Amino acid sequence: MSPDTVSAQAKFKEKFELPFTLLADTDHAVAEQYGVWKEKMNYGKKYMGVERTTFLLDRDGRLMRVFEKVTPKGHAEEVASALVGR
C-alpha cells in the first residue's frame, strides 16, 4: 500500500508485471493507523512520508511479523523465508 495515486499504482503493477493489485492510500489514513506516516528528512528538509515497512499477516488477518525500515534489495527473499519458516 502506498500514498501514490491509483493510476501510479496501476502503472507500477504493469511495469513490473505483478500478479496482484496494489492498494493506494492517497490520504495516508491507513499509514497513520499503522504508525508508519512519519516525519522524514532529506537533504536537511523535513517532510511527512511513509517509513517503508512490511506487515506480514496470516490468512485470518492476524499480524505475524513486522519488517521495519525496509530496503527493496533482498526484501522479497527475506519475506519468503519468513513464510517458509513459519
N, C-alpha and C. Protein backbone atom coordinates (compact mmCIF):
# COMPACT_ATOMS: atom_id res chain seq x y z
N MET A 1 0.86 -1.16 0.00
CA MET A 1 0.00 0.00 0.00
C MET A 1 0.91 1.22 0.00
N SER A 2 0.49 2.22 -0.75
CA SER A 2 1.32 3.40 -0.92
C SER A 2 0.44 4.64 -0.97
N PRO A 3 0.99 5.80 -0.60
CA PRO A 3 0.22 7.03 -0.74
C PRO A 3 0.16 7.52 -2.19
N ASP A 4 0.76 6.76 -3.11
CA ASP A 4 0.67 7.12 -4.52
C ASP A 4 -0.76 6.97 -5.03
N THR A 5 -1.04 7.58 -6.15
CA THR A 5 -2.39 7.52 -6.72
C THR A 5 -2.71 6.13 -7.26
N VAL A 6 -3.97 5.88 -7.48
CA VAL A 6 -4.41 4.61 -8.06
C VAL A 6 -3.75 4.40 -9.42
N SER A 7 -3.71 5.45 -10.24
CA SER A 7 -3.11 5.31 -11.57
C SER A 7 -1.60 5.03 -11.48
N ALA A 8 -0.92 5.65 -10.53
CA ALA A 8 0.51 5.38 -10.35
C ALA A 8 0.73 3.94 -9.92
N GLN A 9 -0.13 3.43 -9.06
CA GLN A 9 -0.03 2.04 -8.62
C GLN A 9 -0.26 1.09 -9.80
N ALA A 10 -1.23 1.42 -10.63
CA ALA A 10 -1.53 0.58 -11.81
C ALA A 10 -0.34 0.55 -12.77
N LYS A 11 0.30 1.68 -12.96
CA LYS A 11 1.48 1.73 -13.85
C LYS A 11 2.63 0.91 -13.27
N PHE A 12 2.83 0.99 -11.95
CA PHE A 12 3.88 0.22 -11.30
C PHE A 12 3.60 -1.27 -11.46
N LYS A 13 2.36 -1.66 -11.24
CA LYS A 13 1.97 -3.06 -11.38
C LYS A 13 2.25 -3.56 -12.79
N GLU A 14 1.87 -2.76 -13.77
CA GLU A 14 2.07 -3.14 -15.17
C GLU A 14 3.56 -3.22 -15.50
N LYS A 15 4.31 -2.23 -15.08
CA LYS A 15 5.75 -2.17 -15.38
C LYS A 15 6.48 -3.41 -14.88
N PHE A 16 6.14 -3.85 -13.67
CA PHE A 16 6.83 -4.99 -13.07
C PHE A 16 6.05 -6.30 -13.20
N GLU A 17 4.96 -6.27 -13.99
CA GLU A 17 4.14 -7.46 -14.27
C GLU A 17 3.76 -8.19 -12.98
N LEU A 18 3.26 -7.45 -12.01
CA LEU A 18 2.87 -8.04 -10.74
C LEU A 18 1.52 -8.74 -10.87
N PRO A 19 1.37 -9.92 -10.27
CA PRO A 19 0.13 -10.68 -10.40
C PRO A 19 -0.91 -10.35 -9.33
N PHE A 20 -0.82 -9.16 -8.74
CA PHE A 20 -1.76 -8.79 -7.69
C PHE A 20 -2.02 -7.29 -7.76
N THR A 21 -3.09 -6.87 -7.12
CA THR A 21 -3.48 -5.47 -7.10
C THR A 21 -2.70 -4.72 -6.02
N LEU A 22 -2.23 -3.53 -6.36
CA LEU A 22 -1.57 -2.66 -5.38
C LEU A 22 -2.60 -1.66 -4.88
N LEU A 23 -2.60 -1.44 -3.60
CA LEU A 23 -3.57 -0.53 -2.99
C LEU A 23 -3.00 0.86 -2.84
N ALA A 24 -3.86 1.86 -3.02
CA ALA A 24 -3.48 3.26 -2.88
C ALA A 24 -4.09 3.81 -1.59
N ASP A 25 -3.27 4.52 -0.82
CA ASP A 25 -3.68 5.15 0.43
C ASP A 25 -3.39 6.65 0.30
N THR A 26 -4.07 7.28 -0.64
CA THR A 26 -3.73 8.65 -1.01
C THR A 26 -3.89 9.66 0.12
N ASP A 27 -4.77 9.37 1.05
CA ASP A 27 -4.92 10.29 2.19
C ASP A 27 -4.12 9.83 3.40
N HIS A 28 -3.30 8.79 3.20
CA HIS A 28 -2.41 8.16 4.19
C HIS A 28 -3.11 7.78 5.50
N ALA A 29 -4.42 7.53 5.43
CA ALA A 29 -5.18 7.14 6.63
C ALA A 29 -4.71 5.80 7.19
N VAL A 30 -4.47 4.84 6.31
CA VAL A 30 -4.02 3.52 6.76
C VAL A 30 -2.59 3.61 7.30
N ALA A 31 -1.74 4.37 6.61
CA ALA A 31 -0.36 4.55 7.07
C ALA A 31 -0.34 5.15 8.47
N GLU A 32 -1.23 6.08 8.72
CA GLU A 32 -1.30 6.69 10.05
C GLU A 32 -1.75 5.66 11.08
N GLN A 33 -2.76 4.83 10.73
CA GLN A 33 -3.24 3.81 11.67
C GLN A 33 -2.16 2.80 12.01
N TYR A 34 -1.31 2.47 11.04
CA TYR A 34 -0.24 1.51 11.27
C TYR A 34 1.02 2.16 11.84
N GLY A 35 0.99 3.47 12.02
CA GLY A 35 2.11 4.16 12.63
C GLY A 35 3.32 4.35 11.74
N VAL A 36 3.13 4.33 10.42
CA VAL A 36 4.25 4.47 9.50
C VAL A 36 4.26 5.80 8.74
N TRP A 37 3.30 6.69 9.03
CA TRP A 37 3.29 8.04 8.44
C TRP A 37 4.10 8.90 9.40
N LYS A 38 5.33 9.22 9.00
CA LYS A 38 6.27 9.85 9.93
C LYS A 38 6.97 11.04 9.31
N GLU A 39 7.52 11.85 10.19
CA GLU A 39 8.36 12.95 9.72
C GLU A 39 9.69 12.37 9.25
N LYS A 40 10.10 12.78 8.05
CA LYS A 40 11.35 12.31 7.47
C LYS A 40 12.20 13.52 7.13
N MET A 41 13.46 13.26 6.83
CA MET A 41 14.35 14.35 6.45
C MET A 41 15.20 13.91 5.27
N ASN A 42 15.33 14.79 4.28
CA ASN A 42 16.15 14.53 3.12
C ASN A 42 16.86 15.82 2.74
N TYR A 43 18.17 15.77 2.71
CA TYR A 43 18.98 16.96 2.41
C TYR A 43 18.60 18.14 3.30
N GLY A 44 18.37 17.86 4.58
CA GLY A 44 18.06 18.90 5.54
C GLY A 44 16.63 19.41 5.53
N LYS A 45 15.82 18.88 4.64
CA LYS A 45 14.42 19.32 4.53
C LYS A 45 13.51 18.29 5.20
N LYS A 46 12.65 18.76 6.12
CA LYS A 46 11.70 17.88 6.79
C LYS A 46 10.41 17.78 5.99
N TYR A 47 9.83 16.59 5.97
CA TYR A 47 8.57 16.36 5.27
C TYR A 47 7.91 15.13 5.87
N MET A 48 6.63 14.96 5.61
CA MET A 48 5.90 13.78 6.07
C MET A 48 5.88 12.73 4.96
N GLY A 49 6.08 11.48 5.34
CA GLY A 49 6.07 10.41 4.36
C GLY A 49 5.97 9.06 5.03
N VAL A 50 5.93 8.04 4.23
CA VAL A 50 5.80 6.67 4.74
C VAL A 50 7.18 6.11 5.06
N GLU A 51 7.32 5.56 6.26
CA GLU A 51 8.52 4.81 6.59
C GLU A 51 8.29 3.40 6.06
N ARG A 52 9.07 3.02 5.08
CA ARG A 52 8.84 1.75 4.38
C ARG A 52 8.87 0.59 5.38
N THR A 53 7.74 -0.11 5.47
CA THR A 53 7.55 -1.18 6.43
C THR A 53 6.70 -2.27 5.79
N THR A 54 7.01 -3.52 6.10
CA THR A 54 6.19 -4.63 5.63
C THR A 54 5.51 -5.28 6.83
N PHE A 55 4.19 -5.45 6.71
CA PHE A 55 3.42 -6.15 7.73
C PHE A 55 2.98 -7.48 7.14
N LEU A 56 3.41 -8.56 7.73
CA LEU A 56 3.07 -9.89 7.27
C LEU A 56 1.88 -10.40 8.08
N LEU A 57 0.78 -10.63 7.39
CA LEU A 57 -0.46 -11.07 8.04
C LEU A 57 -0.77 -12.51 7.64
N ASP A 58 -1.40 -13.25 8.55
CA ASP A 58 -1.83 -14.60 8.19
C ASP A 58 -3.17 -14.54 7.46
N ARG A 59 -3.68 -15.68 7.08
CA ARG A 59 -4.94 -15.73 6.30
C ARG A 59 -6.13 -15.14 7.04
N ASP A 60 -6.05 -15.11 8.37
CA ASP A 60 -7.13 -14.56 9.18
C ASP A 60 -6.93 -13.09 9.50
N GLY A 61 -5.87 -12.49 8.93
CA GLY A 61 -5.62 -11.07 9.13
C GLY A 61 -4.85 -10.76 10.41
N ARG A 62 -4.33 -11.80 11.07
CA ARG A 62 -3.55 -11.57 12.29
C ARG A 62 -2.10 -11.23 11.93
N LEU A 63 -1.55 -10.29 12.65
CA LEU A 63 -0.18 -9.85 12.41
C LEU A 63 0.80 -10.94 12.82
N MET A 64 1.63 -11.36 11.87
CA MET A 64 2.63 -12.39 12.13
C MET A 64 4.01 -11.79 12.40
N ARG A 65 4.34 -10.75 11.61
CA ARG A 65 5.68 -10.17 11.72
C ARG A 65 5.69 -8.78 11.11
N VAL A 66 6.57 -7.94 11.62
CA VAL A 66 6.76 -6.59 11.10
C VAL A 66 8.22 -6.45 10.68
N PHE A 67 8.43 -6.00 9.45
CA PHE A 67 9.76 -5.70 8.94
C PHE A 67 9.85 -4.18 8.85
N GLU A 68 10.71 -3.57 9.67
CA GLU A 68 10.81 -2.11 9.69
C GLU A 68 12.00 -1.63 8.86
N LYS A 69 11.89 -0.37 8.41
CA LYS A 69 12.96 0.29 7.65
C LYS A 69 13.46 -0.60 6.51
N VAL A 70 12.51 -1.06 5.71
CA VAL A 70 12.76 -1.99 4.62
C VAL A 70 13.52 -1.32 3.48
N THR A 71 14.47 -2.06 2.93
CA THR A 71 15.09 -1.66 1.67
C THR A 71 14.71 -2.72 0.64
N PRO A 72 14.41 -2.30 -0.58
CA PRO A 72 13.90 -3.25 -1.57
C PRO A 72 14.83 -4.43 -1.89
N LYS A 73 16.13 -4.17 -1.97
CA LYS A 73 17.05 -5.23 -2.37
C LYS A 73 17.06 -6.36 -1.35
N GLY A 74 16.66 -7.54 -1.79
CA GLY A 74 16.67 -8.72 -0.94
C GLY A 74 15.47 -8.87 -0.02
N HIS A 75 14.58 -7.89 -0.02
CA HIS A 75 13.47 -7.96 0.93
C HIS A 75 12.45 -9.05 0.58
N ALA A 76 12.20 -9.25 -0.70
CA ALA A 76 11.25 -10.30 -1.09
C ALA A 76 11.72 -11.66 -0.59
N GLU A 77 13.02 -11.90 -0.69
CA GLU A 77 13.57 -13.16 -0.21
C GLU A 77 13.45 -13.27 1.31
N GLU A 78 13.63 -12.15 2.00
CA GLU A 78 13.50 -12.13 3.46
C GLU A 78 12.07 -12.49 3.88
N VAL A 79 11.09 -11.93 3.18
CA VAL A 79 9.69 -12.22 3.49
C VAL A 79 9.36 -13.67 3.15
N ALA A 80 9.82 -14.13 1.99
CA ALA A 80 9.58 -15.52 1.59
C ALA A 80 10.17 -16.48 2.61
N SER A 81 11.35 -16.18 3.11
CA SER A 81 11.99 -17.01 4.12
C SER A 81 11.18 -17.04 5.41
N ALA A 82 10.62 -15.90 5.78
CA ALA A 82 9.79 -15.84 6.98
C ALA A 82 8.53 -16.69 6.80
N LEU A 83 8.00 -16.73 5.59
CA LEU A 83 6.80 -17.54 5.33
C LEU A 83 7.12 -19.03 5.39
N VAL A 84 8.25 -19.42 4.85
CA VAL A 84 8.65 -20.83 4.84
C VAL A 84 8.96 -21.30 6.26
N GLY A 85 9.59 -20.45 7.04
CA GLY A 85 9.98 -20.81 8.39
C GLY A 85 8.85 -20.79 9.39
N ARG A 86 7.68 -20.45 8.93
CA ARG A 86 6.50 -20.29 9.77
C ARG A 86 6.04 -21.57 10.36
